[in-house]
Amino acid sequence: MFSPKWLPDATTTYNELKLAAEAAKANRERKKAKKKGKQEGLFNQVHKTIALLLENPRHNSLHTHEFDSIKNPFDPTEKVRTAYAQNNTPGTYRVFWCCGPEKGQITIIAITPHP
């Protein structure tokens, strides 16, 4: 298992997604609806992606690959990678990450919808 390090933008996005999911869940429970809404599903997918990433960054379902448009905040010679939180969905979410700065640590750089 890797330990997470969060950059501020990633923390903000994660917390916003979590709050939206909690609000959607409360609304669903108030209406006594059973089916989860879009916000709940999105947060669950992002949360699961990060959990898998910390467990095994090479997990097949993450579809991890290098991403050249973002520079590694700790070591410019090292690559930033992206992992899929969703696939085959308009505006699919991606988690951008890199190894470090400490050994056994993964830094979550950003969580964004894919353009």
N, C-alpha and C. Protein backbone atom coordinates (compact mmCIF):
# COMPACT_ATOMS: atom_id res chain seq x y z
N MET A 1 0.84 -1.19 0.00
CA MET A 1 0.00 0.00 0.00
C MET A 1 0.88 1.25 0.00
N PHE A 2 0.43 2.22 -0.75
CA PHE A 2 1.11 3.52 -0.79
C PHE A 2 0.35 4.47 0.13
N SER A 3 1.05 5.46 0.63
CA SER A 3 0.38 6.50 1.41
C SER A 3 0.10 7.68 0.49
N PRO A 4 -1.04 8.35 0.68
CA PRO A 4 -1.39 9.46 -0.20
C PRO A 4 -0.83 10.79 0.29
N LYS A 5 -0.50 11.63 -0.67
CA LYS A 5 -0.20 13.04 -0.42
C LYS A 5 -1.11 13.80 -1.38
N TRP A 6 -1.81 14.77 -0.88
CA TRP A 6 -2.79 15.50 -1.68
C TRP A 6 -2.31 16.91 -1.94
N LEU A 7 -2.38 17.34 -3.20
CA LEU A 7 -2.15 18.74 -3.51
C LEU A 7 -3.47 19.49 -3.29
N PRO A 8 -3.41 20.79 -3.01
CA PRO A 8 -4.63 21.55 -2.65
C PRO A 8 -5.77 21.44 -3.66
N ASP A 9 -5.49 21.52 -4.96
CA ASP A 9 -6.57 21.45 -5.96
C ASP A 9 -7.28 20.10 -5.91
N ALA A 10 -6.52 19.03 -5.74
CA ALA A 10 -7.11 17.69 -5.66
C ALA A 10 -7.96 17.55 -4.41
N THR A 11 -7.47 18.07 -3.30
CA THR A 11 -8.22 18.02 -2.04
C THR A 11 -9.55 18.77 -2.18
N THR A 12 -9.49 19.95 -2.76
CA THR A 12 -10.70 20.76 -2.95
C THR A 12 -11.72 20.02 -3.81
N THR A 13 -11.29 19.49 -4.94
CA THR A 13 -12.21 18.79 -5.84
C THR A 13 -12.80 17.56 -5.16
N TYR A 14 -11.95 16.78 -4.49
CA TYR A 14 -12.42 15.58 -3.79
C TYR A 14 -13.48 15.95 -2.75
N ASN A 15 -13.23 16.98 -1.97
CA ASN A 15 -14.18 17.40 -0.94
C ASN A 15 -15.48 17.93 -1.54
N GLU A 16 -15.38 18.64 -2.66
CA GLU A 16 -16.59 19.12 -3.35
C GLU A 16 -17.43 17.96 -3.86
N LEU A 17 -16.77 16.96 -4.44
CA LEU A 17 -17.49 15.78 -4.94
C LEU A 17 -18.14 15.03 -3.78
N LYS A 18 -17.43 14.94 -2.66
CA LYS A 18 -17.95 14.24 -1.49
C LYS A 18 -19.18 14.97 -0.93
N LEU A 19 -19.09 16.29 -0.80
CA LEU A 19 -20.22 17.06 -0.28
C LEU A 19 -21.44 16.95 -1.20
N ALA A 20 -21.22 17.01 -2.50
CA ALA A 20 -22.32 16.88 -3.46
C ALA A 20 -22.96 15.49 -3.35
N ALA A 21 -22.15 14.46 -3.17
CA ALA A 21 -22.67 13.11 -3.04
C ALA A 21 -23.46 12.95 -1.75
N GLU A 22 -22.96 13.53 -0.67
CA GLU A 22 -23.68 13.46 0.61
C GLU A 22 -25.01 14.19 0.53
N ALA A 23 -25.04 15.34 -0.13
CA ALA A 23 -26.28 16.09 -0.29
C ALA A 23 -27.27 15.30 -1.16
N ALA A 24 -26.77 14.69 -2.22
CA ALA A 24 -27.64 13.90 -3.09
C ALA A 24 -28.20 12.68 -2.35
N LYS A 25 -27.36 12.07 -1.52
CA LYS A 25 -27.82 10.91 -0.74
C LYS A 25 -28.89 11.33 0.26
N ALA A 26 -28.68 12.44 0.95
CA ALA A 26 -29.67 12.92 1.90
C ALA A 26 -30.99 13.23 1.21
N ASN A 27 -30.92 13.85 0.04
CA ASN A 27 -32.12 14.17 -0.74
C ASN A 27 -32.83 12.89 -1.18
N ARG A 28 -32.06 11.91 -1.62
CA ARG A 28 -32.63 10.63 -2.06
C ARG A 28 -33.31 9.93 -0.89
N GLU A 29 -32.67 9.93 0.28
CA GLU A 29 -33.26 9.28 1.45
C GLU A 29 -34.51 10.01 1.92
N ARG A 30 -34.50 11.33 1.80
CA ARG A 30 -35.68 12.12 2.18
C ARG A 30 -36.86 11.76 1.28
N LYS A 31 -36.58 11.53 0.00
CA LYS A 31 -37.64 11.16 -0.95
C LYS A 31 -37.93 9.67 -0.95
N LYS A 32 -37.15 8.91 -0.17
CA LYS A 32 -37.27 7.45 -0.08
C LYS A 32 -37.05 6.78 -1.43
N ALA A 33 -36.18 7.36 -2.23
CA ALA A 33 -35.80 6.77 -3.51
C ALA A 33 -34.68 5.76 -3.27
N LYS A 34 -34.62 4.74 -4.08
CA LYS A 34 -33.61 3.70 -3.91
C LYS A 34 -32.41 3.87 -4.83
N LYS A 35 -32.66 4.36 -6.02
CA LYS A 35 -31.58 4.46 -7.01
C LYS A 35 -30.66 5.63 -6.69
N LYS A 36 -29.36 5.34 -6.69
CA LYS A 36 -28.37 6.39 -6.44
C LYS A 36 -28.33 7.34 -7.63
N GLY A 37 -28.07 8.61 -7.33
CA GLY A 37 -27.99 9.63 -8.37
C GLY A 37 -26.59 9.76 -8.94
N LYS A 38 -26.47 10.64 -9.90
CA LYS A 38 -25.20 10.86 -10.61
C LYS A 38 -24.08 11.29 -9.67
N GLN A 39 -24.37 12.20 -8.75
CA GLN A 39 -23.33 12.70 -7.84
C GLN A 39 -22.80 11.61 -6.92
N GLU A 40 -23.69 10.77 -6.43
CA GLU A 40 -23.25 9.67 -5.57
C GLU A 40 -22.37 8.70 -6.35
N GLY A 41 -22.80 8.37 -7.55
CA GLY A 41 -22.03 7.45 -8.38
C GLY A 41 -20.67 8.00 -8.74
N LEU A 42 -20.61 9.27 -9.08
CA LEU A 42 -19.34 9.90 -9.45
C LEU A 42 -18.36 9.87 -8.28
N PHE A 43 -18.83 10.26 -7.10
CA PHE A 43 -17.93 10.25 -5.95
C PHE A 43 -17.45 8.83 -5.65
N ASN A 44 -18.35 7.85 -5.71
CA ASN A 44 -17.95 6.47 -5.46
C ASN A 44 -16.89 6.01 -6.45
N GLN A 45 -17.02 6.40 -7.71
CA GLN A 45 -16.04 6.02 -8.72
C GLN A 45 -14.69 6.67 -8.46
N VAL A 46 -14.69 7.95 -8.12
CA VAL A 46 -13.44 8.65 -7.83
C VAL A 46 -12.78 8.06 -6.58
N HIS A 47 -13.58 7.83 -5.56
CA HIS A 47 -13.05 7.26 -4.31
C HIS A 47 -12.45 5.87 -4.56
N LYS A 48 -13.14 5.05 -5.33
CA LYS A 48 -12.64 3.70 -5.65
C LYS A 48 -11.35 3.78 -6.44
N THR A 49 -11.27 4.70 -7.39
CA THR A 49 -10.06 4.87 -8.19
C THR A 49 -8.87 5.20 -7.30
N ILE A 50 -9.05 6.10 -6.37
CA ILE A 50 -7.95 6.48 -5.49
C ILE A 50 -7.56 5.31 -4.59
N ALA A 51 -8.55 4.56 -4.10
CA ALA A 51 -8.25 3.39 -3.27
C ALA A 51 -7.45 2.36 -4.06
N LEU A 52 -7.85 2.09 -5.30
CA LEU A 52 -7.11 1.14 -6.14
C LEU A 52 -5.71 1.66 -6.45
N LEU A 53 -5.61 2.94 -6.70
CA LEU A 53 -4.32 3.57 -7.01
C LEU A 53 -3.34 3.40 -5.85
N LEU A 54 -3.82 3.59 -4.63
CA LEU A 54 -2.96 3.46 -3.46
C LEU A 54 -2.60 2.00 -3.17
N GLU A 55 -3.46 1.10 -3.60
CA GLU A 55 -3.21 -0.32 -3.41
C GLU A 55 -2.26 -0.86 -4.48
N ASN A 56 -2.53 -0.49 -5.74
CA ASN A 56 -1.74 -0.99 -6.86
C ASN A 56 -1.86 -0.03 -8.04
N PRO A 57 -0.89 0.86 -8.23
CA PRO A 57 -0.98 1.84 -9.31
C PRO A 57 -1.04 1.22 -10.71
N ARG A 58 -0.73 -0.04 -10.82
CA ARG A 58 -0.77 -0.71 -12.13
C ARG A 58 -2.03 -1.55 -12.33
N HIS A 59 -3.01 -1.37 -11.47
CA HIS A 59 -4.25 -2.14 -11.56
C HIS A 59 -4.86 -1.93 -12.95
N ASN A 60 -5.27 -3.03 -13.58
CA ASN A 60 -5.78 -2.97 -14.96
C ASN A 60 -6.95 -2.02 -15.14
N SER A 61 -7.86 -1.95 -14.20
CA SER A 61 -9.06 -1.13 -14.39
C SER A 61 -8.76 0.36 -14.35
N LEU A 62 -7.57 0.75 -13.88
CA LEU A 62 -7.22 2.18 -13.83
C LEU A 62 -6.80 2.73 -15.19
N HIS A 63 -6.38 1.86 -16.09
CA HIS A 63 -5.90 2.29 -17.41
C HIS A 63 -4.86 3.40 -17.28
N THR A 64 -3.94 3.23 -16.34
CA THR A 64 -2.92 4.24 -16.04
C THR A 64 -1.98 4.42 -17.22
N HIS A 65 -1.70 5.67 -17.53
CA HIS A 65 -0.71 5.98 -18.56
C HIS A 65 -0.09 7.35 -18.29
N GLU A 66 1.04 7.60 -18.92
CA GLU A 66 1.75 8.87 -18.74
C GLU A 66 0.95 10.02 -19.34
N PHE A 67 1.13 11.18 -18.73
CA PHE A 67 0.44 12.38 -19.19
C PHE A 67 1.47 13.50 -19.27
N ASP A 68 1.71 14.04 -20.45
CA ASP A 68 2.80 14.99 -20.66
C ASP A 68 2.46 16.45 -20.38
N SER A 69 1.19 16.80 -20.32
CA SER A 69 0.82 18.22 -20.21
C SER A 69 0.96 18.80 -18.81
N ILE A 70 1.14 17.96 -17.82
CA ILE A 70 1.32 18.42 -16.45
C ILE A 70 2.72 18.01 -16.00
N LYS A 71 3.43 18.93 -15.39
CA LYS A 71 4.78 18.66 -14.91
C LYS A 71 4.74 18.11 -13.49
N ASN A 72 5.62 17.20 -13.20
CA ASN A 72 5.74 16.63 -11.88
C ASN A 72 6.17 17.73 -10.91
N PRO A 73 5.43 17.94 -9.82
CA PRO A 73 5.75 19.04 -8.90
C PRO A 73 7.01 18.82 -8.06
N PHE A 74 7.54 17.61 -8.05
CA PHE A 74 8.69 17.31 -7.21
C PHE A 74 9.96 17.02 -7.99
N ASP A 75 9.82 16.39 -9.15
CA ASP A 75 10.98 15.98 -9.93
C ASP A 75 10.64 16.09 -11.42
N PRO A 76 11.13 17.14 -12.09
CA PRO A 76 10.77 17.35 -13.50
C PRO A 76 11.20 16.21 -14.43
N THR A 77 12.09 15.33 -13.97
CA THR A 77 12.50 14.20 -14.81
C THR A 77 11.51 13.04 -14.72
N GLU A 78 10.65 13.06 -13.71
CA GLU A 78 9.66 12.00 -13.54
C GLU A 78 8.33 12.40 -14.18
N LYS A 79 7.59 11.42 -14.64
CA LYS A 79 6.33 11.66 -15.33
C LYS A 79 5.15 11.76 -14.37
N VAL A 80 4.15 12.49 -14.83
CA VAL A 80 2.85 12.50 -14.19
C VAL A 80 2.01 11.46 -14.93
N ARG A 81 1.17 10.78 -14.22
CA ARG A 81 0.32 9.76 -14.82
C ARG A 81 -1.15 10.10 -14.57
N THR A 82 -2.00 9.49 -15.36
CA THR A 82 -3.43 9.66 -15.18
C THR A 82 -4.07 8.29 -15.02
N ALA A 83 -5.10 8.24 -14.19
CA ALA A 83 -5.87 7.02 -13.98
C ALA A 83 -7.33 7.34 -14.25
N TYR A 84 -8.03 6.40 -14.85
CA TYR A 84 -9.43 6.60 -15.19
C TYR A 84 -10.32 6.34 -13.98
N ALA A 85 -11.14 7.32 -13.64
CA ALA A 85 -12.18 7.09 -12.64
C ALA A 85 -13.45 6.62 -13.34
N GLN A 86 -13.60 7.04 -14.59
CA GLN A 86 -14.74 6.65 -15.42
C GLN A 86 -14.22 6.37 -16.82
N ASN A 87 -15.03 5.68 -17.59
CA ASN A 87 -14.66 5.39 -18.97
C ASN A 87 -15.94 5.35 -19.80
N ASN A 88 -15.85 5.75 -21.05
CA ASN A 88 -16.99 5.73 -21.97
C ASN A 88 -18.19 6.52 -21.45
N THR A 89 -17.89 7.65 -20.85
CA THR A 89 -18.93 8.56 -20.34
C THR A 89 -18.53 9.97 -20.76
N PRO A 90 -19.46 10.80 -21.23
CA PRO A 90 -19.09 12.18 -21.56
C PRO A 90 -18.54 12.90 -20.33
N GLY A 91 -17.41 13.57 -20.49
CA GLY A 91 -16.79 14.30 -19.39
C GLY A 91 -16.24 13.38 -18.32
N THR A 92 -15.70 12.24 -18.74
CA THR A 92 -15.20 11.26 -17.78
C THR A 92 -14.15 11.86 -16.86
N TYR A 93 -14.17 11.44 -15.62
CA TYR A 93 -13.22 11.96 -14.63
C TYR A 93 -11.92 11.18 -14.66
N ARG A 94 -10.83 11.92 -14.45
CA ARG A 94 -9.49 11.37 -14.39
C ARG A 94 -8.81 11.83 -13.10
N VAL A 95 -7.92 10.99 -12.59
CA VAL A 95 -7.12 11.33 -11.43
C VAL A 95 -5.68 11.43 -11.91
N PHE A 96 -5.07 12.60 -11.74
CA PHE A 96 -3.68 12.82 -12.13
C PHE A 96 -2.81 12.65 -10.89
N TRP A 97 -1.73 11.90 -11.04
CA TRP A 97 -0.92 11.55 -9.88
C TRP A 97 0.55 11.35 -10.28
N CYS A 98 1.39 11.31 -9.28
CA CYS A 98 2.81 11.01 -9.49
C CYS A 98 3.34 10.30 -8.25
N CYS A 99 4.47 9.69 -8.38
CA CYS A 99 5.12 9.04 -7.25
C CYS A 99 5.88 10.08 -6.45
N GLY A 100 5.92 9.88 -5.13
CA GLY A 100 6.72 10.76 -4.30
C GLY A 100 5.92 11.83 -3.61
N PRO A 101 6.57 12.72 -2.93
CA PRO A 101 8.01 12.94 -2.92
C PRO A 101 8.78 11.92 -2.07
N GLU A 102 8.10 11.26 -1.14
CA GLU A 102 8.76 10.26 -0.31
C GLU A 102 8.58 8.88 -0.92
N LYS A 103 9.46 7.97 -0.56
CA LYS A 103 9.34 6.58 -1.01
C LYS A 103 8.04 6.00 -0.45
N GLY A 104 7.31 5.27 -1.29
CA GLY A 104 6.06 4.67 -0.87
C GLY A 104 4.89 5.64 -0.81
N GLN A 105 5.05 6.77 -1.45
CA GLN A 105 4.01 7.80 -1.42
C GLN A 105 3.53 8.10 -2.83
N ILE A 106 2.24 8.31 -2.97
CA ILE A 106 1.65 8.74 -4.24
C ILE A 106 0.99 10.09 -4.00
N THR A 107 1.31 11.05 -4.87
CA THR A 107 0.73 12.38 -4.76
C THR A 107 -0.43 12.50 -5.74
N ILE A 108 -1.59 12.86 -5.21
CA ILE A 108 -2.77 13.13 -6.03
C ILE A 108 -2.69 14.59 -6.43
N ILE A 109 -2.46 14.84 -7.71
CA ILE A 109 -2.24 16.20 -8.22
C ILE A 109 -3.57 16.88 -8.52
N ALA A 110 -4.46 16.17 -9.21
CA ALA A 110 -5.72 16.78 -9.62
C ALA A 110 -6.75 15.71 -9.90
N ILE A 111 -8.02 16.07 -9.77
CA ILE A 111 -9.14 15.23 -10.14
C ILE A 111 -10.01 16.09 -11.05
N THR A 112 -10.06 15.74 -12.32
CA THR A 112 -10.75 16.61 -13.28
C THR A 112 -11.54 15.81 -14.30
N PRO A 113 -12.59 16.43 -14.87
CA PRO A 113 -13.26 15.79 -15.99
C PRO A 113 -12.40 15.90 -17.23
N HIS A 114 -12.41 14.86 -18.02
CA HIS A 114 -11.64 14.84 -19.27
C HIS A 114 -12.37 15.68 -20.29
N PRO A 115 -11.63 16.53 -20.99
CA PRO A 115 -12.31 17.41 -21.97
C PRO A 115 -12.90 16.65 -23.14
